[in-house]
């Protein structure tokens, strides 16, 4: 599985129990199992939930699904 696909899978899995929509960065972080410390890793690439703020914009909210979160974060953070 390629890096982006695997990272997206891990983010979707981490957000399985989230109550969507997520209206703010704070709600997004608290939806992850270990909050800001939740880390996804694939092929040597690590993404921490706490670092998502570096790639997210206010206009990204609200997030309506785990797929939307995963696509937005991974597509912006991983080249």
PDB file of N, CA and C in Angstrom:
ATOM      1  N   UNK A   1       0.858  -1.182   0.000  1.00  0.00           N
ATOM      2  CA  UNK A   1       0.000   0.000   0.000  1.00  0.00           C
ATOM      3  C   UNK A   1       0.898   1.237   0.000  1.00  0.00           C
ATOM      4  N   UNK A   2       0.552   2.239  -0.811  1.00  0.00           N
ATOM      5  CA  UNK A   2       1.393   3.421  -0.851  1.00  0.00           C
ATOM      6  C   UNK A   2       1.216   4.262   0.420  1.00  0.00           C
ATOM      7  N   UNK A   3       2.129   5.170   0.641  1.00  0.00           N
ATOM      8  CA  UNK A   3       2.190   5.949   1.883  1.00  0.00           C
ATOM      9  C   UNK A   3       0.913   6.733   2.137  1.00  0.00           C
ATOM     10  N   UNK A   4       0.457   7.477   1.143  1.00  0.00           N
ATOM     11  CA  UNK A   4      -0.747   8.290   1.337  1.00  0.00           C
ATOM     12  C   UNK A   4      -1.966   7.442   1.656  1.00  0.00           C
ATOM     13  N   UNK A   5      -2.132   6.353   0.943  1.00  0.00           N
ATOM     14  CA  UNK A   5      -3.283   5.475   1.166  1.00  0.00           C
ATOM     15  C   UNK A   5      -3.265   4.909   2.576  1.00  0.00           C
ATOM     16  N   UNK A   6      -2.092   4.478   3.029  1.00  0.00           N
ATOM     17  CA  UNK A   6      -1.976   3.901   4.368  1.00  0.00           C
ATOM     18  C   UNK A   6      -2.219   4.946   5.450  1.00  0.00           C
ATOM     19  N   UNK A   7      -1.679   6.148   5.286  1.00  0.00           N
ATOM     20  CA  UNK A   7      -1.906   7.204   6.282  1.00  0.00           C
ATOM     21  C   UNK A   7      -3.393   7.568   6.352  1.00  0.00           C
ATOM     22  N   UNK A   8      -4.037   7.661   5.215  1.00  0.00           N
ATOM     23  CA  UNK A   8      -5.477   7.963   5.195  1.00  0.00           C
ATOM     24  C   UNK A   8      -6.264   6.869   5.897  1.00  0.00           C
ATOM     25  N   UNK A   9      -5.884   5.609   5.676  1.00  0.00           N
ATOM     26  CA  UNK A   9      -6.560   4.493   6.326  1.00  0.00           C
ATOM     27  C   UNK A   9      -6.426   4.603   7.845  1.00  0.00           C
ATOM     28  N   UNK A  10      -5.228   4.921   8.304  1.00  0.00           N
ATOM     29  CA  UNK A  10      -4.989   5.032   9.741  1.00  0.00           C
ATOM     30  C   UNK A  10      -5.784   6.192  10.359  1.00  0.00           C
ATOM     31  N   UNK A  11      -5.865   7.303   9.666  1.00  0.00           N
ATOM     32  CA  UNK A  11      -6.638   8.450  10.174  1.00  0.00           C
ATOM     33  C   UNK A  11      -8.116   8.090  10.240  1.00  0.00           C
ATOM     34  N   UNK A  12      -8.641   7.473   9.178  1.00  0.00           N
ATOM     35  CA  UNK A  12     -10.051   7.058   9.189  1.00  0.00           C
ATOM     36  C   UNK A  12     -10.324   6.112  10.346  1.00  0.00           C
ATOM     37  N   UNK A  13      -9.420   5.169  10.571  1.00  0.00           N
ATOM     38  CA  UNK A  13      -9.581   4.213  11.660  1.00  0.00           C
ATOM     39  C   UNK A  13      -9.548   4.928  13.021  1.00  0.00           C
ATOM     40  N   UNK A  14      -8.642   5.875  13.173  1.00  0.00           N
ATOM     41  CA  UNK A  14      -8.526   6.609  14.435  1.00  0.00           C
ATOM     42  C   UNK A  14      -9.784   7.422  14.733  1.00  0.00           C
ATOM     43  N   UNK A  15     -10.480   7.843  13.698  1.00  0.00           N
ATOM     44  CA  UNK A  15     -11.672   8.685  13.875  1.00  0.00           C
ATOM     45  C   UNK A  15     -12.983   7.904  13.806  1.00  0.00           C
ATOM     46  N   UNK A  16     -12.916   6.590  13.893  1.00  0.00           N
ATOM     47  CA  UNK A  16     -14.124   5.763  13.795  1.00  0.00           C
ATOM     48  C   UNK A  16     -15.205   6.176  14.774  1.00  0.00           C
ATOM     49  N   UNK A  17     -14.850   6.506  15.983  1.00  0.00           N
ATOM     50  CA  UNK A  17     -15.849   6.833  16.994  1.00  0.00           C
ATOM     51  C   UNK A  17     -16.196   8.304  17.080  1.00  0.00           C
ATOM     52  N   UNK A  18     -15.672   9.110  16.171  1.00  0.00           N
ATOM     53  CA  UNK A  18     -15.892  10.558  16.231  1.00  0.00           C
ATOM     54  C   UNK A  18     -17.343  10.912  15.928  1.00  0.00           C
ATOM     55  N   UNK A  19     -17.789  11.968  16.560  1.00  0.00           N
ATOM     56  CA  UNK A  19     -19.146  12.468  16.373  1.00  0.00           C
ATOM     57  C   UNK A  19     -19.104  13.645  15.396  1.00  0.00           C
ATOM     58  N   UNK A  20     -19.367  13.348  14.126  1.00  0.00           N
ATOM     59  CA  UNK A  20     -19.321  14.378  13.078  1.00  0.00           C
ATOM     60  C   UNK A  20     -20.633  15.129  13.015  1.00  0.00           C
ATOM     61  N   UNK A  21     -20.612  16.382  12.593  1.00  0.00           N
ATOM     62  CA  UNK A  21     -19.483  17.146  12.081  1.00  0.00           C
ATOM     63  C   UNK A  21     -18.575  17.649  13.201  1.00  0.00           C
ATOM     64  N   UNK A  22     -17.312  17.866  12.834  1.00  0.00           N
ATOM     65  CA  UNK A  22     -16.334  18.463  13.740  1.00  0.00           C
ATOM     66  C   UNK A  22     -16.190  19.922  13.335  1.00  0.00           C
ATOM     67  N   UNK A  23     -16.531  20.795  14.247  1.00  0.00           N
ATOM     68  CA  UNK A  23     -16.669  22.221  13.929  1.00  0.00           C
ATOM     69  C   UNK A  23     -15.406  23.049  14.101  1.00  0.00           C
ATOM     70  N   UNK A  24     -14.391  22.520  14.799  1.00  0.00           N
ATOM     71  CA  UNK A  24     -13.211  23.338  15.106  1.00  0.00           C
ATOM     72  C   UNK A  24     -11.978  22.446  15.240  1.00  0.00           C
ATOM     73  N   UNK A  25     -10.796  23.067  15.209  1.00  0.00           N
ATOM     74  CA  UNK A  25      -9.573  22.289  15.426  1.00  0.00           C
ATOM     75  C   UNK A  25      -9.577  21.580  16.781  1.00  0.00           C
ATOM     76  N   UNK A  26     -10.129  22.218  17.784  1.00  0.00           N
ATOM     77  CA  UNK A  26     -10.188  21.609  19.117  1.00  0.00           C
ATOM     78  C   UNK A  26     -11.051  20.351  19.110  1.00  0.00           C
ATOM     79  N   UNK A  27     -12.193  20.413  18.440  1.00  0.00           N
ATOM     80  CA  UNK A  27     -13.054  19.230  18.325  1.00  0.00           C
ATOM     81  C   UNK A  27     -12.352  18.117  17.556  1.00  0.00           C
ATOM     82  N   UNK A  28     -11.622  18.492  16.514  1.00  0.00           N
ATOM     83  CA  UNK A  28     -10.900  17.502  15.726  1.00  0.00           C
ATOM     84  C   UNK A  28      -9.852  16.807  16.591  1.00  0.00           C
ATOM     85  N   UNK A  29      -9.052  17.562  17.304  1.00  0.00           N
ATOM     86  CA  UNK A  29      -8.018  16.961  18.142  1.00  0.00           C
ATOM     87  C   UNK A  29      -8.610  16.057  19.211  1.00  0.00           C
ATOM     88  N   UNK A  30      -9.690  16.495  19.815  1.00  0.00           N
ATOM     89  CA  UNK A  30     -10.279  15.679  20.875  1.00  0.00           C
ATOM     90  C   UNK A  30     -10.957  14.420  20.323  1.00  0.00           C
ATOM     91  N   UNK A  31     -11.220  14.363  19.028  1.00  0.00           N
ATOM     92  CA  UNK A  31     -11.820  13.179  18.419  1.00  0.00           C
ATOM     93  C   UNK A  31     -10.807  12.057  18.212  1.00  0.00           C
ATOM     94  N   UNK A  32      -9.514  12.397  18.190  1.00  0.00           N
ATOM     95  CA  UNK A  32      -8.484  11.372  18.040  1.00  0.00           C
ATOM     96  C   UNK A  32      -8.289  10.647  19.363  1.00  0.00           C
ATOM     97  N   UNK A  33      -8.005   9.343  19.328  1.00  0.00           N
ATOM     98  CA  UNK A  33      -7.913   8.544  20.548  1.00  0.00           C
ATOM     99  C   UNK A  33      -6.916   9.075  21.582  1.00  0.00           C
ATOM    100  N   UNK A  34      -5.773   9.558  21.142  1.00  0.00           N
ATOM    101  CA  UNK A  34      -4.782  10.113  22.061  1.00  0.00           C
ATOM    102  C   UNK A  34      -4.628  11.616  21.853  1.00  0.00           C
ATOM    103  N   UNK A  35      -5.686  12.237  21.374  1.00  0.00           N
ATOM    104  CA  UNK A  35      -5.654  13.677  21.159  1.00  0.00           C
ATOM    105  C   UNK A  35      -4.525  14.079  20.232  1.00  0.00           C
ATOM    106  N   UNK A  36      -3.852  15.176  20.578  1.00  0.00           N
ATOM    107  CA  UNK A  36      -2.778  15.714  19.738  1.00  0.00           C
ATOM    108  C   UNK A  36      -1.616  14.746  19.566  1.00  0.00           C
ATOM    109  N   UNK A  37      -1.473  13.793  20.473  1.00  0.00           N
ATOM    110  CA  UNK A  37      -0.366  12.837  20.399  1.00  0.00           C
ATOM    111  C   UNK A  37      -0.643  11.646  19.496  1.00  0.00           C
ATOM    112  N   UNK A  38      -1.850  11.525  18.963  1.00  0.00           N
ATOM    113  CA  UNK A  38      -2.156  10.428  18.049  1.00  0.00           C
ATOM    114  C   UNK A  38      -1.235  10.545  16.839  1.00  0.00           C
ATOM    115  N   UNK A  39      -0.555   9.451  16.522  1.00  0.00           N
ATOM    116  CA  UNK A  39       0.421   9.459  15.429  1.00  0.00           C
ATOM    117  C   UNK A  39       0.101   8.351  14.436  1.00  0.00           C
ATOM    118  N   UNK A  40       0.143   8.703  13.165  1.00  0.00           N
ATOM    119  CA  UNK A  40      -0.005   7.737  12.085  1.00  0.00           C
ATOM    120  C   UNK A  40       1.344   7.665  11.375  1.00  0.00           C
ATOM    121  N   UNK A  41       1.721   6.463  10.957  1.00  0.00           N
ATOM    122  CA  UNK A  41       3.030   6.289  10.335  1.00  0.00           C
ATOM    123  C   UNK A  41       2.955   5.271   9.215  1.00  0.00           C
ATOM    124  N   UNK A  42       3.621   5.588   8.104  1.00  0.00           N
ATOM    125  CA  UNK A  42       3.706   4.662   6.974  1.00  0.00           C
ATOM    126  C   UNK A  42       4.962   4.965   6.173  1.00  0.00           C
ATOM    127  N   UNK A  43       5.732   3.932   5.892  1.00  0.00           N
ATOM    128  CA  UNK A  43       6.913   4.055   5.036  1.00  0.00           C
ATOM    129  C   UNK A  43       7.843   5.182   5.477  1.00  0.00           C
ATOM    130  N   UNK A  44       8.024   5.326   6.786  1.00  0.00           N
ATOM    131  CA  UNK A  44       8.934   6.337   7.310  1.00  0.00           C
ATOM    132  C   UNK A  44       8.353   7.729   7.434  1.00  0.00           C
ATOM    133  N   UNK A  45       7.100   7.916   7.058  1.00  0.00           N
ATOM    134  CA  UNK A  45       6.440   9.222   7.177  1.00  0.00           C
ATOM    135  C   UNK A  45       5.534   9.184   8.403  1.00  0.00           C
ATOM    136  N   UNK A  46       5.727  10.159   9.308  1.00  0.00           N
ATOM    137  CA  UNK A  46       4.906  10.241  10.519  1.00  0.00           C
ATOM    138  C   UNK A  46       4.064  11.501  10.472  1.00  0.00           C
ATOM    139  N   UNK A  47       2.794  11.349  10.840  1.00  0.00           N
ATOM    140  CA  UNK A  47       1.891  12.490  10.978  1.00  0.00           C
ATOM    141  C   UNK A  47       1.312  12.455  12.389  1.00  0.00           C
ATOM    142  N   UNK A  48       1.482  13.557  13.122  1.00  0.00           N
ATOM    143  CA  UNK A  48       0.874  13.689  14.446  1.00  0.00           C
ATOM    144  C   UNK A  48      -0.375  14.535  14.318  1.00  0.00           C
ATOM    145  N   UNK A  49      -1.417  14.148  15.012  1.00  0.00           N
ATOM    146  CA  UNK A  49      -2.658  14.927  14.979  1.00  0.00           C
ATOM    147  C   UNK A  49      -2.400  16.368  15.398  1.00  0.00           C
ATOM    148  N   UNK A  50      -1.504  16.559  16.359  1.00  0.00           N
ATOM    149  CA  UNK A  50      -1.201  17.904  16.837  1.00  0.00           C
ATOM    150  C   UNK A  50      -0.545  18.789  15.797  1.00  0.00           C
ATOM    151  N   UNK A  51       0.023  18.189  14.757  1.00  0.00           N
ATOM    152  CA  UNK A  51       0.656  18.970  13.690  1.00  0.00           C
ATOM    153  C   UNK A  51      -0.313  19.315  12.568  1.00  0.00           C
ATOM    154  N   UNK A  52      -1.535  18.812  12.648  1.00  0.00           N
ATOM    155  CA  UNK A  52      -2.515  19.044  11.583  1.00  0.00           C
ATOM    156  C   UNK A  52      -2.822  20.527  11.409  1.00  0.00           C
ATOM    157  N   UNK A  53      -2.733  21.275  12.489  1.00  0.00           N
ATOM    158  CA  UNK A  53      -3.002  22.712  12.406  1.00  0.00           C
ATOM    159  C   UNK A  53      -2.119  23.426  11.406  1.00  0.00           C
ATOM    160  N   UNK A  54      -0.964  22.861  11.126  1.00  0.00           N
ATOM    161  CA  UNK A  54      -0.058  23.467  10.167  1.00  0.00           C
ATOM    162  C   UNK A  54      -0.530  23.357   8.731  1.00  0.00           C
ATOM    163  N   UNK A  55      -1.465  22.457   8.457  1.00  0.00           N
ATOM    164  CA  UNK A  55      -1.958  22.288   7.091  1.00  0.00           C
ATOM    165  C   UNK A  55      -3.440  22.598   6.951  1.00  0.00           C
ATOM    166  N   UNK A  56      -4.131  22.774   8.080  1.00  0.00           N
ATOM    167  CA  UNK A  56      -5.566  23.061   8.019  1.00  0.00           C
ATOM    168  C   UNK A  56      -5.832  24.557   8.020  1.00  0.00           C
ATOM    169  N   UNK A  57      -6.948  24.926   7.424  1.00  0.00           N
ATOM    170  CA  UNK A  57      -7.377  26.325   7.349  1.00  0.00           C
ATOM    171  C   UNK A  57      -8.764  26.434   7.969  1.00  0.00           C
ATOM    172  N   UNK A  58      -9.115  27.606   8.484  1.00  0.00           N
ATOM    173  CA  UNK A  58     -10.446  27.778   9.073  1.00  0.00           C
ATOM    174  C   UNK A  58     -11.572  27.372   8.124  1.00  0.00           C
ATOM    175  N   UNK A  59     -11.376  27.584   6.838  1.00  0.00           N
ATOM    176  CA  UNK A  59     -12.424  27.262   5.867  1.00  0.00           C
ATOM    177  C   UNK A  59     -12.606  25.753   5.675  1.00  0.00           C
ATOM    178  N   UNK A  60     -11.697  24.935   6.215  1.00  0.00           N
ATOM    179  CA  UNK A  60     -11.838  23.478   6.118  1.00  0.00           C
ATOM    180  C   UNK A  60     -12.959  22.954   7.015  1.00  0.00           C
ATOM    181  N   UNK A  61     -13.321  23.727   8.017  1.00  0.00           N
ATOM    182  CA  UNK A  61     -14.336  23.300   8.982  1.00  0.00           C
ATOM    183  C   UNK A  61     -15.706  23.782   8.562  1.00  0.00           C
ATOM    184  N   UNK A  62     -16.727  23.002   8.864  1.00  0.00           N
ATOM    185  CA  UNK A  62     -16.724  21.753   9.610  1.00  0.00           C
ATOM    186  C   UNK A  62     -16.333  20.570   8.735  1.00  0.00           C
ATOM    187  N   UNK A  63     -15.711  19.572   9.362  1.00  0.00           N
ATOM    188  CA  UNK A  63     -15.462  18.299   8.701  1.00  0.00           C
ATOM    189  C   UNK A  63     -16.674  17.427   8.940  1.00  0.00           C
ATOM    190  N   UNK A  64     -17.174  16.808   7.885  1.00  0.00           N
ATOM    191  CA  UNK A  64     -18.385  15.998   7.979  1.00  0.00           C
ATOM    192  C   UNK A  64     -18.122  14.488   7.991  1.00  0.00           C
ATOM    193  N   UNK A  65     -16.857  14.102   7.773  1.00  0.00           N
ATOM    194  CA  UNK A  65     -16.544  12.668   7.767  1.00  0.00           C
ATOM    195  C   UNK A  65     -15.054  12.451   8.011  1.00  0.00           C
ATOM    196  N   UNK A  66     -14.728  11.232   8.429  1.00  0.00           N
ATOM    197  CA  UNK A  66     -13.327  10.864   8.609  1.00  0.00           C
ATOM    198  C   UNK A  66     -12.594  10.872   7.273  1.00  0.00           C
ATOM    199  N   UNK A  67     -13.296  10.520   6.199  1.00  0.00           N
ATOM    200  CA  UNK A  67     -12.681  10.563   4.868  1.00  0.00           C
ATOM    201  C   UNK A  67     -12.228  11.974   4.524  1.00  0.00           C
ATOM    202  N   UNK A  68     -13.053  12.952   4.818  1.00  0.00           N
ATOM    203  CA  UNK A  68     -12.707  14.343   4.511  1.00  0.00           C
ATOM    204  C   UNK A  68     -11.491  14.791   5.311  1.00  0.00           C
ATOM    205  N   UNK A  69     -11.425  14.395   6.578  1.00  0.00           N
ATOM    206  CA  UNK A  69     -10.265  14.738   7.414  1.00  0.00           C
ATOM    207  C   UNK A  69      -9.014  14.096   6.833  1.00  0.00           C
ATOM    208  N   UNK A  70      -9.078  12.810   6.561  1.00  0.00           N
ATOM    209  CA  UNK A  70      -7.919  12.081   6.052  1.00  0.00           C
ATOM    210  C   UNK A  70      -7.444  12.650   4.717  1.00  0.00           C
ATOM    211  N   UNK A  71      -8.362  12.884   3.809  1.00  0.00           N
ATOM    212  CA  UNK A  71      -7.977  13.412   2.494  1.00  0.00           C
ATOM    213  C   UNK A  71      -7.322  14.772   2.623  1.00  0.00           C
ATOM    214  N   UNK A  72      -7.909  15.651   3.411  1.00  0.00           N
ATOM    215  CA  UNK A  72      -7.382  17.012   3.537  1.00  0.00           C
ATOM    216  C   UNK A  72      -5.991  17.019   4.161  1.00  0.00           C
ATOM    217  N   UNK A  73      -5.843  16.345   5.273  1.00  0.00           N
ATOM    218  CA  UNK A  73      -4.551  16.366   5.972  1.00  0.00           C
ATOM    219  C   UNK A  73      -3.462  15.693   5.146  1.00  0.00           C
ATOM    220  N   UNK A  74      -3.714  14.493   4.676  1.00  0.00           N
ATOM    221  CA  UNK A  74      -2.665  13.761   3.958  1.00  0.00           C
ATOM    222  C   UNK A  74      -2.324  14.427   2.638  1.00  0.00           C
ATOM    223  N   UNK A  75      -3.313  14.867   1.891  1.00  0.00           N
ATOM    224  CA  UNK A  75      -3.021  15.483   0.598  1.00  0.00           C
ATOM    225  C   UNK A  75      -2.200  16.766   0.729  1.00  0.00           C
ATOM    226  N   UNK A  76      -2.357  17.471   1.831  1.00  0.00           N
ATOM    227  CA  UNK A  76      -1.575  18.693   2.037  1.00  0.00           C
ATOM    228  C   UNK A  76      -0.240  18.446   2.702  1.00  0.00           C
ATOM    229  N   UNK A  77      -0.167  17.447   3.573  1.00  0.00           N
ATOM    230  CA  UNK A  77       1.035  17.248   4.377  1.00  0.00           C
ATOM    231  C   UNK A  77       2.078  16.328   3.718  1.00  0.00           C
ATOM    232  N   UNK A  78       1.636  15.442   2.841  1.00  0.00           N
ATOM    233  CA  UNK A  78       2.543  14.449   2.249  1.00  0.00           C
ATOM    234  C   UNK A  78       2.654  14.706   0.760  1.00  0.00           C
ATOM    235  N   UNK A  79       3.879  14.924   0.323  1.00  0.00           N
ATOM    236  CA  UNK A  79       4.112  15.204  -1.108  1.00  0.00           C
ATOM    237  C   UNK A  79       4.297  13.939  -1.893  1.00  0.00           C
TER     238      UNK A  79
END
